[in-house]
Amino acid sequence: MPFFMTQGLGAFNDNIFKNALAALLVFKGSQIAGLNTHQVVNLSAMIFILPFFLFSALFGQFADKYEKSVQIRRIKLFEIFIMLMATLAFWLNNLPLLLFVLFLLGLQSTIFGPIKYGILPQVLAREELVGGNALIEWVLSWPYSQVRSPARNWPESKQPGLIGLAPPACWSQLLATCSV
């Protein structure tokens, strides 16, 4: 159960940050480097995906080589640090720092991805693996259905206070890290 909580809260955390950043980019898109909103949103998607291309093979080897439960704890502590950086970046309204945090979230997901599937054969019986994989996929997809991009529904004159989204995400990660 702690593993599924860690996975679910991590996915929820990523989605809150990405949607808050998307909302900020939509509202501030015209002021950023002369790019339109679509270009900035696409740039942010590229920044998030870049670590998967650069580091996935390396961290797949790390997942096989080192103890997975220790790696999970370290990765989740790294995620808490990332969310604290996100809180600071939202508070300072610092877009370059927010984009760097987005890269770090992609890196954290790249590191965690091989571990979450690699630990299942160690903790589940062979006949339980299909169900375990299904539960992980459900836990991954559930936050996507719960967190909607707020930027689609808000008028430009009423930009939300996005800084309030990061601290609950930090606490949820701390709770999940302590329970692993």
N, C-alpha and C. Protein backbone atom coordinates (compact mmCIF):
# COMPACT_ATOMS: atom_id res chain seq x y z
N MET A 1 0.80 -1.20 0.00
CA MET A 1 0.00 0.00 0.00
C MET A 1 0.85 1.28 0.00
N PRO A 2 1.93 1.36 0.79
CA PRO A 2 2.74 2.59 0.75
C PRO A 2 3.31 2.86 -0.64
N PHE A 3 3.66 1.79 -1.37
CA PHE A 3 4.19 1.98 -2.72
C PHE A 3 3.14 2.62 -3.62
N PHE A 4 1.91 2.16 -3.53
CA PHE A 4 0.85 2.72 -4.37
C PHE A 4 0.52 4.15 -3.96
N MET A 5 0.58 4.43 -2.64
CA MET A 5 0.39 5.81 -2.19
C MET A 5 1.50 6.71 -2.74
N THR A 6 2.73 6.22 -2.68
CA THR A 6 3.86 6.99 -3.20
C THR A 6 3.67 7.26 -4.68
N GLN A 7 3.29 6.24 -5.42
CA GLN A 7 3.10 6.38 -6.86
C GLN A 7 1.95 7.33 -7.17
N GLY A 8 0.83 7.16 -6.49
CA GLY A 8 -0.34 8.01 -6.75
C GLY A 8 -0.10 9.46 -6.38
N LEU A 9 0.50 9.69 -5.21
CA LEU A 9 0.76 11.07 -4.80
C LEU A 9 1.81 11.73 -5.69
N GLY A 10 2.78 10.94 -6.15
CA GLY A 10 3.78 11.48 -7.08
C GLY A 10 3.15 11.91 -8.40
N ALA A 11 2.27 11.08 -8.93
CA ALA A 11 1.59 11.43 -10.19
C ALA A 11 0.68 12.64 -9.99
N PHE A 12 -0.03 12.67 -8.87
CA PHE A 12 -0.90 13.81 -8.57
C PHE A 12 -0.08 15.08 -8.44
N ASN A 13 1.06 14.98 -7.76
CA ASN A 13 1.97 16.10 -7.56
C ASN A 13 2.48 16.64 -8.90
N ASP A 14 2.92 15.73 -9.78
CA ASP A 14 3.41 16.15 -11.09
C ASP A 14 2.32 16.88 -11.87
N ASN A 15 1.10 16.36 -11.80
CA ASN A 15 0.01 16.97 -12.55
C ASN A 15 -0.37 18.34 -12.01
N ILE A 16 -0.36 18.49 -10.70
CA ILE A 16 -0.67 19.80 -10.13
C ILE A 16 0.35 20.82 -10.61
N PHE A 17 1.63 20.46 -10.53
CA PHE A 17 2.67 21.40 -10.94
C PHE A 17 2.57 21.71 -12.43
N LYS A 18 2.43 20.67 -13.27
CA LYS A 18 2.37 20.90 -14.71
C LYS A 18 1.17 21.75 -15.10
N ASN A 19 0.02 21.53 -14.47
CA ASN A 19 -1.15 22.33 -14.78
C ASN A 19 -1.02 23.75 -14.26
N ALA A 20 -0.42 23.92 -13.09
CA ALA A 20 -0.18 25.28 -12.59
C ALA A 20 0.79 26.03 -13.50
N LEU A 21 1.83 25.34 -13.95
CA LEU A 21 2.78 25.96 -14.87
C LEU A 21 2.11 26.27 -16.20
N ALA A 22 1.28 25.37 -16.69
CA ALA A 22 0.56 25.63 -17.95
C ALA A 22 -0.34 26.84 -17.83
N ALA A 23 -1.02 26.96 -16.68
CA ALA A 23 -1.87 28.14 -16.47
C ALA A 23 -1.03 29.41 -16.47
N LEU A 24 0.10 29.37 -15.80
CA LEU A 24 0.98 30.54 -15.77
C LEU A 24 1.49 30.87 -17.17
N LEU A 25 1.84 29.84 -17.95
CA LEU A 25 2.33 30.07 -19.30
C LEU A 25 1.25 30.66 -20.20
N VAL A 26 0.02 30.21 -20.01
CA VAL A 26 -1.08 30.75 -20.81
C VAL A 26 -1.29 32.23 -20.50
N PHE A 27 -1.22 32.58 -19.22
CA PHE A 27 -1.46 33.96 -18.84
C PHE A 27 -0.27 34.87 -19.12
N LYS A 28 0.92 34.32 -19.11
CA LYS A 28 2.13 35.13 -19.31
C LYS A 28 2.81 34.83 -20.64
N GLY A 29 2.20 33.99 -21.48
CA GLY A 29 2.83 33.53 -22.70
C GLY A 29 3.29 34.61 -23.65
N SER A 30 2.53 35.66 -23.77
CA SER A 30 2.88 36.72 -24.71
C SER A 30 4.07 37.54 -24.24
N GLN A 31 4.37 37.47 -22.95
CA GLN A 31 5.48 38.26 -22.39
C GLN A 31 6.79 37.48 -22.36
N ILE A 32 6.77 36.22 -22.73
CA ILE A 32 7.94 35.36 -22.58
C ILE A 32 8.69 35.25 -23.91
N ALA A 33 9.82 35.88 -23.97
CA ALA A 33 10.76 35.74 -25.09
C ALA A 33 10.11 35.94 -26.46
N GLY A 34 9.02 36.68 -26.52
CA GLY A 34 8.38 36.95 -27.79
C GLY A 34 7.69 35.75 -28.40
N LEU A 35 7.50 34.68 -27.65
CA LEU A 35 6.84 33.48 -28.16
C LEU A 35 5.35 33.54 -27.85
N ASN A 36 4.56 32.91 -28.72
CA ASN A 36 3.13 32.85 -28.40
C ASN A 36 2.88 31.71 -27.42
N THR A 37 1.69 31.63 -26.89
CA THR A 37 1.35 30.67 -25.85
C THR A 37 1.58 29.24 -26.29
N HIS A 38 1.21 28.91 -27.51
CA HIS A 38 1.38 27.54 -27.99
C HIS A 38 2.85 27.14 -28.04
N GLN A 39 3.69 28.06 -28.47
CA GLN A 39 5.12 27.76 -28.53
C GLN A 39 5.70 27.53 -27.13
N VAL A 40 5.29 28.33 -26.17
CA VAL A 40 5.81 28.19 -24.81
C VAL A 40 5.32 26.89 -24.18
N VAL A 41 4.06 26.53 -24.40
CA VAL A 41 3.54 25.27 -23.86
C VAL A 41 4.27 24.09 -24.50
N ASN A 42 4.53 24.16 -25.80
CA ASN A 42 5.29 23.09 -26.46
C ASN A 42 6.72 23.03 -25.97
N LEU A 43 7.32 24.18 -25.71
CA LEU A 43 8.67 24.21 -25.14
C LEU A 43 8.69 23.54 -23.77
N SER A 44 7.67 23.79 -22.97
CA SER A 44 7.63 23.17 -21.64
C SER A 44 7.44 21.66 -21.75
N ALA A 45 6.66 21.20 -22.71
CA ALA A 45 6.51 19.75 -22.92
C ALA A 45 7.84 19.13 -23.33
N MET A 46 8.58 19.82 -24.19
CA MET A 46 9.89 19.32 -24.61
C MET A 46 10.86 19.26 -23.42
N ILE A 47 10.81 20.27 -22.57
CA ILE A 47 11.71 20.30 -21.40
C ILE A 47 11.39 19.14 -20.47
N PHE A 48 10.11 18.81 -20.30
CA PHE A 48 9.74 17.71 -19.41
C PHE A 48 10.16 16.36 -19.99
N ILE A 49 10.06 16.19 -21.29
CA ILE A 49 10.36 14.91 -21.93
C ILE A 49 11.85 14.70 -22.16
N LEU A 50 12.61 15.76 -22.26
CA LEU A 50 14.04 15.67 -22.55
C LEU A 50 14.81 14.70 -21.65
N PRO A 51 14.61 14.69 -20.32
CA PRO A 51 15.36 13.73 -19.49
C PRO A 51 15.07 12.27 -19.83
N PHE A 52 13.87 11.96 -20.31
CA PHE A 52 13.56 10.59 -20.71
C PHE A 52 14.47 10.15 -21.85
N PHE A 53 14.69 11.02 -22.81
CA PHE A 53 15.56 10.70 -23.93
C PHE A 53 17.02 10.62 -23.51
N LEU A 54 17.43 11.50 -22.63
CA LEU A 54 18.84 11.58 -22.27
C LEU A 54 19.28 10.53 -21.25
N PHE A 55 18.41 10.20 -20.30
CA PHE A 55 18.88 9.43 -19.14
C PHE A 55 18.16 8.12 -18.87
N SER A 56 17.16 7.74 -19.65
CA SER A 56 16.38 6.55 -19.29
C SER A 56 17.20 5.27 -19.28
N ALA A 57 18.11 5.09 -20.22
CA ALA A 57 18.93 3.87 -20.23
C ALA A 57 19.84 3.81 -19.01
N LEU A 58 20.43 4.91 -18.65
CA LEU A 58 21.32 4.97 -17.49
C LEU A 58 20.59 4.63 -16.20
N PHE A 59 19.42 5.24 -16.01
CA PHE A 59 18.69 5.00 -14.76
C PHE A 59 18.00 3.65 -14.76
N GLY A 60 17.76 3.06 -15.91
CA GLY A 60 17.30 1.67 -15.96
C GLY A 60 18.37 0.73 -15.42
N GLN A 61 19.63 1.02 -15.75
CA GLN A 61 20.73 0.22 -15.20
C GLN A 61 20.86 0.42 -13.69
N PHE A 62 20.70 1.66 -13.23
CA PHE A 62 20.76 1.92 -11.78
C PHE A 62 19.65 1.16 -11.05
N ALA A 63 18.45 1.10 -11.67
CA ALA A 63 17.33 0.41 -11.04
C ALA A 63 17.64 -1.07 -10.84
N ASP A 64 18.37 -1.67 -11.78
CA ASP A 64 18.74 -3.07 -11.65
C ASP A 64 19.89 -3.29 -10.69
N LYS A 65 20.76 -2.32 -10.57
CA LYS A 65 22.00 -2.50 -9.83
C LYS A 65 21.86 -2.26 -8.33
N TYR A 66 21.02 -1.30 -7.91
CA TYR A 66 20.95 -0.89 -6.52
C TYR A 66 19.61 -1.27 -5.89
N GLU A 67 19.58 -1.30 -4.57
CA GLU A 67 18.38 -1.64 -3.81
C GLU A 67 17.24 -0.66 -4.13
N LYS A 68 16.12 -1.20 -4.56
CA LYS A 68 15.03 -0.37 -5.07
C LYS A 68 14.32 0.44 -3.98
N SER A 69 14.11 -0.14 -2.81
CA SER A 69 13.39 0.61 -1.76
C SER A 69 14.21 1.81 -1.29
N VAL A 70 15.53 1.67 -1.25
CA VAL A 70 16.39 2.80 -0.88
C VAL A 70 16.32 3.87 -1.97
N GLN A 71 16.34 3.43 -3.24
CA GLN A 71 16.25 4.39 -4.35
C GLN A 71 14.92 5.14 -4.31
N ILE A 72 13.83 4.43 -3.99
CA ILE A 72 12.52 5.09 -3.94
C ILE A 72 12.52 6.18 -2.88
N ARG A 73 13.06 5.88 -1.72
CA ARG A 73 13.10 6.89 -0.65
C ARG A 73 13.91 8.12 -1.08
N ARG A 74 15.05 7.88 -1.69
CA ARG A 74 15.90 9.00 -2.12
C ARG A 74 15.24 9.82 -3.22
N ILE A 75 14.59 9.14 -4.13
CA ILE A 75 13.93 9.84 -5.24
C ILE A 75 12.78 10.70 -4.70
N LYS A 76 12.03 10.18 -3.75
CA LYS A 76 10.92 10.94 -3.19
C LYS A 76 11.41 12.12 -2.36
N LEU A 77 12.53 11.97 -1.68
CA LEU A 77 13.12 13.13 -0.99
C LEU A 77 13.58 14.17 -2.01
N PHE A 78 14.14 13.71 -3.13
CA PHE A 78 14.51 14.61 -4.21
C PHE A 78 13.29 15.34 -4.74
N GLU A 79 12.16 14.64 -4.81
CA GLU A 79 10.93 15.27 -5.29
C GLU A 79 10.44 16.35 -4.31
N ILE A 80 10.62 16.13 -3.02
CA ILE A 80 10.26 17.15 -2.05
C ILE A 80 11.11 18.39 -2.28
N PHE A 81 12.41 18.20 -2.49
CA PHE A 81 13.31 19.32 -2.79
C PHE A 81 12.85 20.05 -4.06
N ILE A 82 12.47 19.29 -5.08
CA ILE A 82 12.00 19.89 -6.33
C ILE A 82 10.75 20.74 -6.09
N MET A 83 9.82 20.22 -5.29
CA MET A 83 8.59 20.97 -5.03
C MET A 83 8.85 22.20 -4.17
N LEU A 84 9.83 22.14 -3.29
CA LEU A 84 10.20 23.35 -2.55
C LEU A 84 10.77 24.40 -3.51
N MET A 85 11.57 23.95 -4.48
CA MET A 85 12.05 24.86 -5.52
C MET A 85 10.90 25.44 -6.33
N ALA A 86 9.90 24.60 -6.61
CA ALA A 86 8.72 25.07 -7.36
C ALA A 86 7.97 26.13 -6.57
N THR A 87 7.83 25.91 -5.27
CA THR A 87 7.16 26.90 -4.42
C THR A 87 7.89 28.24 -4.49
N LEU A 88 9.20 28.18 -4.38
CA LEU A 88 10.01 29.39 -4.47
C LEU A 88 9.86 30.05 -5.84
N ALA A 89 9.89 29.25 -6.89
CA ALA A 89 9.79 29.79 -8.25
C ALA A 89 8.43 30.44 -8.49
N PHE A 90 7.34 29.83 -7.99
CA PHE A 90 6.03 30.45 -8.12
C PHE A 90 5.95 31.73 -7.30
N TRP A 91 6.52 31.69 -6.11
CA TRP A 91 6.49 32.87 -5.24
C TRP A 91 7.25 34.03 -5.86
N LEU A 92 8.41 33.73 -6.49
CA LEU A 92 9.20 34.77 -7.13
C LEU A 92 8.70 35.10 -8.54
N ASN A 93 7.75 34.30 -9.03
CA ASN A 93 7.26 34.45 -10.40
C ASN A 93 8.42 34.37 -11.40
N ASN A 94 9.28 33.38 -11.20
CA ASN A 94 10.51 33.22 -11.98
C ASN A 94 10.31 32.09 -12.99
N LEU A 95 10.02 32.43 -14.23
CA LEU A 95 9.74 31.44 -15.25
C LEU A 95 10.94 30.56 -15.56
N PRO A 96 12.18 31.08 -15.71
CA PRO A 96 13.31 30.17 -15.97
C PRO A 96 13.48 29.12 -14.86
N LEU A 97 13.29 29.52 -13.62
CA LEU A 97 13.39 28.56 -12.52
C LEU A 97 12.25 27.54 -12.59
N LEU A 98 11.06 27.97 -12.97
CA LEU A 98 9.94 27.04 -13.13
C LEU A 98 10.22 26.02 -14.23
N LEU A 99 10.81 26.48 -15.33
CA LEU A 99 11.15 25.55 -16.41
C LEU A 99 12.25 24.58 -15.98
N PHE A 100 13.20 25.05 -15.17
CA PHE A 100 14.23 24.17 -14.63
C PHE A 100 13.61 23.13 -13.69
N VAL A 101 12.65 23.56 -12.88
CA VAL A 101 11.93 22.64 -12.00
C VAL A 101 11.18 21.60 -12.85
N LEU A 102 10.61 22.03 -13.95
CA LEU A 102 9.93 21.10 -14.85
C LEU A 102 10.91 20.06 -15.38
N PHE A 103 12.11 20.50 -15.76
CA PHE A 103 13.15 19.56 -16.20
C PHE A 103 13.48 18.57 -15.07
N LEU A 104 13.62 19.08 -13.84
CA LEU A 104 13.94 18.21 -12.71
C LEU A 104 12.81 17.21 -12.44
N LEU A 105 11.55 17.62 -12.63
CA LEU A 105 10.44 16.67 -12.48
C LEU A 105 10.51 15.59 -13.55
N GLY A 106 10.88 15.97 -14.75
CA GLY A 106 11.08 14.97 -15.79
C GLY A 106 12.21 14.02 -15.44
N LEU A 107 13.29 14.57 -14.89
CA LEU A 107 14.41 13.75 -14.45
C LEU A 107 13.99 12.80 -13.33
N GLN A 108 13.23 13.31 -12.37
CA GLN A 108 12.76 12.48 -11.27
C GLN A 108 11.86 11.35 -11.80
N SER A 109 11.01 11.65 -12.75
CA SER A 109 10.15 10.62 -13.34
C SER A 109 10.98 9.60 -14.11
N THR A 110 12.03 10.07 -14.76
CA THR A 110 12.92 9.17 -15.50
C THR A 110 13.63 8.21 -14.56
N ILE A 111 14.04 8.71 -13.41
CA ILE A 111 14.72 7.87 -12.44
C ILE A 111 13.74 6.88 -11.81
N PHE A 112 12.54 7.34 -11.49
CA PHE A 112 11.57 6.51 -10.77
C PHE A 112 10.90 5.47 -11.67
N GLY A 113 10.76 5.75 -12.95
CA GLY A 113 10.04 4.86 -13.86
C GLY A 113 10.51 3.41 -13.84
N PRO A 114 11.79 3.14 -14.08
CA PRO A 114 12.23 1.74 -14.09
C PRO A 114 12.11 1.06 -12.72
N ILE A 115 12.24 1.83 -11.66
CA ILE A 115 12.19 1.25 -10.32
C ILE A 115 10.78 0.78 -9.99
N LYS A 116 9.78 1.57 -10.36
CA LYS A 116 8.41 1.22 -9.97
C LYS A 116 7.96 -0.09 -10.63
N TYR A 117 8.45 -0.37 -11.82
CA TYR A 117 8.10 -1.64 -12.44
C TYR A 117 9.07 -2.74 -12.03
N GLY A 118 10.31 -2.39 -11.75
CA GLY A 118 11.31 -3.38 -11.36
C GLY A 118 11.11 -3.95 -9.97
N ILE A 119 10.44 -3.20 -9.10
CA ILE A 119 10.24 -3.69 -7.73
C ILE A 119 9.08 -4.68 -7.65
N LEU A 120 8.18 -4.65 -8.59
CA LEU A 120 7.01 -5.53 -8.52
C LEU A 120 7.37 -7.02 -8.47
N PRO A 121 8.28 -7.53 -9.30
CA PRO A 121 8.61 -8.96 -9.20
C PRO A 121 9.26 -9.33 -7.86
N GLN A 122 9.81 -8.37 -7.17
CA GLN A 122 10.42 -8.65 -5.88
C GLN A 122 9.39 -8.74 -4.76
N VAL A 123 8.25 -8.08 -4.91
CA VAL A 123 7.27 -8.03 -3.83
C VAL A 123 5.98 -8.79 -4.14
N LEU A 124 5.78 -9.20 -5.38
CA LEU A 124 4.57 -9.91 -5.76
C LEU A 124 4.90 -11.31 -6.26
N ALA A 125 3.96 -12.23 -6.06
CA ALA A 125 4.09 -13.56 -6.64
C ALA A 125 3.90 -13.46 -8.15
N ARG A 126 4.40 -14.46 -8.86
CA ARG A 126 4.32 -14.44 -10.33
C ARG A 126 2.89 -14.25 -10.84
N GLU A 127 1.93 -14.91 -10.20
CA GLU A 127 0.54 -14.80 -10.66
C GLU A 127 -0.10 -13.47 -10.29
N GLU A 128 0.55 -12.67 -9.47
CA GLU A 128 0.02 -11.36 -9.09
C GLU A 128 0.59 -10.21 -9.91
N LEU A 129 1.56 -10.49 -10.78
CA LEU A 129 2.24 -9.43 -11.52
C LEU A 129 1.31 -8.65 -12.46
N VAL A 130 0.43 -9.34 -13.15
CA VAL A 130 -0.48 -8.66 -14.07
C VAL A 130 -1.38 -7.70 -13.30
N GLY A 131 -1.91 -8.16 -12.18
CA GLY A 131 -2.75 -7.30 -11.35
C GLY A 131 -1.97 -6.13 -10.76
N GLY A 132 -0.72 -6.38 -10.35
CA GLY A 132 0.13 -5.32 -9.82
C GLY A 132 0.42 -4.25 -10.86
N ASN A 133 0.73 -4.68 -12.09
CA ASN A 133 0.95 -3.72 -13.17
C ASN A 133 -0.32 -2.93 -13.48
N ALA A 134 -1.46 -3.61 -13.43
CA ALA A 134 -2.74 -2.92 -13.67
C ALA A 134 -2.99 -1.87 -12.59
N LEU A 135 -2.70 -2.21 -11.34
CA LEU A 135 -2.89 -1.24 -10.27
C LEU A 135 -1.98 -0.03 -10.43
N ILE A 136 -0.73 -0.27 -10.83
CA ILE A 136 0.18 0.86 -11.05
C ILE A 136 -0.35 1.75 -12.17
N GLU A 137 -0.81 1.17 -13.24
CA GLU A 137 -1.35 1.97 -14.34
C GLU A 137 -2.60 2.72 -13.91
N TRP A 138 -3.44 2.09 -13.09
CA TRP A 138 -4.63 2.79 -12.59
C TRP A 138 -4.22 3.95 -11.71
N VAL A 139 -3.28 3.72 -10.81
CA VAL A 139 -2.81 4.78 -9.92
C VAL A 139 -2.19 5.91 -10.73
N LEU A 140 -1.52 5.57 -11.84
CA LEU A 140 -0.93 6.60 -12.71
C LEU A 140 -2.00 7.39 -13.44
N SER A 141 -3.04 6.73 -13.88
CA SER A 141 -4.04 7.43 -14.70
C SER A 141 -5.08 8.16 -13.87
N TRP A 142 -5.29 7.76 -12.63
CA TRP A 142 -6.31 8.40 -11.81
C TRP A 142 -6.06 9.90 -11.62
N PRO A 143 -4.84 10.33 -11.27
CA PRO A 143 -4.65 11.78 -11.10
C PRO A 143 -4.90 12.57 -12.38
N TYR A 144 -4.63 11.96 -13.55
CA TYR A 144 -4.88 12.67 -14.80
C TYR A 144 -6.36 12.97 -14.95
N SER A 145 -7.20 12.09 -14.45
CA SER A 145 -8.63 12.32 -14.58
C SER A 145 -9.14 13.30 -13.52
N GLN A 146 -8.38 13.52 -12.46
CA GLN A 146 -8.81 14.38 -11.37
C GLN A 146 -8.32 15.82 -11.51
N VAL A 147 -7.15 16.01 -12.10
CA VAL A 147 -6.58 17.36 -12.21
C VAL A 147 -6.80 17.84 -13.64
N ARG A 148 -7.57 18.85 -13.79
CA ARG A 148 -7.84 19.44 -15.09
C ARG A 148 -7.06 20.74 -15.22
N SER A 149 -6.71 21.08 -16.41
CA SER A 149 -6.00 22.34 -16.62
C SER A 149 -6.96 23.50 -16.36
N PRO A 150 -6.65 24.31 -15.36
CA PRO A 150 -7.54 25.41 -15.04
C PRO A 150 -7.48 26.54 -16.05
N ALA A 151 -6.43 26.57 -16.84
CA ALA A 151 -6.22 27.69 -17.75
C ALA A 151 -7.31 27.77 -18.81
N ARG A 152 -7.98 26.68 -19.09
CA ARG A 152 -8.99 26.70 -20.14
C ARG A 152 -10.22 27.49 -19.72
N ASN A 153 -10.48 27.59 -18.42
CA ASN A 153 -11.73 28.16 -17.95
C ASN A 153 -11.62 29.53 -17.31
N TRP A 154 -10.40 30.01 -17.07
CA TRP A 154 -10.24 31.28 -16.37
C TRP A 154 -10.01 32.42 -17.34
N PRO A 155 -10.72 33.53 -17.14
CA PRO A 155 -10.43 34.70 -17.97
C PRO A 155 -9.05 35.24 -17.62
N GLU A 156 -8.42 35.89 -18.60
CA GLU A 156 -7.05 36.37 -18.39
C GLU A 156 -6.94 37.36 -17.25
N SER A 157 -8.00 38.08 -16.96
CA SER A 157 -7.93 39.10 -15.91
C SER A 157 -7.94 38.49 -14.51
N LYS A 158 -8.25 37.19 -14.39
CA LYS A 158 -8.37 36.58 -13.07
C LYS A 158 -7.38 35.41 -12.94
N GLN A 159 -6.10 35.73 -12.98
CA GLN A 159 -5.08 34.69 -12.83
C GLN A 159 -5.11 34.17 -11.39
N PRO A 160 -5.13 32.85 -11.22
CA PRO A 160 -5.24 32.30 -9.87
C PRO A 160 -3.94 32.43 -9.10
N GLY A 161 -4.02 32.31 -7.80
CA GLY A 161 -2.83 32.27 -6.96
C GLY A 161 -2.23 30.88 -7.01
N LEU A 162 -1.26 30.66 -7.87
CA LEU A 162 -0.72 29.33 -8.10
C LEU A 162 0.23 28.86 -7.02
N ILE A 163 0.75 29.76 -6.21
CA ILE A 163 1.71 29.35 -5.19
C ILE A 163 1.08 28.41 -4.16
N GLY A 164 -0.20 28.48 -3.98
CA GLY A 164 -0.86 27.63 -3.00
C GLY A 164 -0.90 26.17 -3.39
N LEU A 165 -0.58 25.84 -4.63
CA LEU A 165 -0.63 24.46 -5.06
C LEU A 165 0.60 23.65 -4.65
N ALA A 166 1.75 24.27 -4.54
CA ALA A 166 2.99 23.52 -4.28
C ALA A 166 3.12 23.01 -2.85
N PRO A 167 2.81 23.77 -1.80
CA PRO A 167 3.00 23.23 -0.44
C PRO A 167 2.21 21.97 -0.14
N PRO A 168 0.91 21.84 -0.55
CA PRO A 168 0.23 20.57 -0.29
C PRO A 168 0.92 19.41 -1.00
N ALA A 169 1.48 19.67 -2.18
CA ALA A 169 2.18 18.62 -2.89
C ALA A 169 3.42 18.19 -2.12
N CYS A 170 4.12 19.14 -1.51
CA CYS A 170 5.30 18.80 -0.70
C CYS A 170 4.91 17.93 0.48
N TRP A 171 3.83 18.29 1.17
CA TRP A 171 3.42 17.52 2.33
C TRP A 171 2.96 16.13 1.94
N SER A 172 2.29 16.01 0.82
CA SER A 172 1.84 14.68 0.39
C SER A 172 3.03 13.80 0.07
N GLN A 173 4.08 14.38 -0.52
CA GLN A 173 5.27 13.59 -0.81
C GLN A 173 6.01 13.20 0.47
N LEU A 174 6.07 14.10 1.43
CA LEU A 174 6.71 13.79 2.70
C LEU A 174 5.97 12.65 3.39
N LEU A 175 4.66 12.68 3.39
CA LEU A 175 3.86 11.61 3.98
C LEU A 175 4.14 10.28 3.28
N ALA A 176 4.16 10.31 1.96
CA ALA A 176 4.39 9.06 1.20
C ALA A 176 5.82 8.54 1.42
N THR A 177 6.80 9.44 1.50
CA THR A 177 8.18 9.02 1.70
C THR A 177 8.36 8.37 3.06
N CYS A 178 7.72 8.89 4.06
CA CYS A 178 7.84 8.34 5.41
C CYS A 178 7.17 6.97 5.52
N SER A 179 6.19 6.72 4.68
CA SER A 179 5.45 5.45 4.79
C SER A 179 6.03 4.33 3.94
N VAL A 180 7.03 4.62 3.08
CA VAL A 180 7.62 3.58 2.22
C VAL A 180 8.50 2.68 3.06
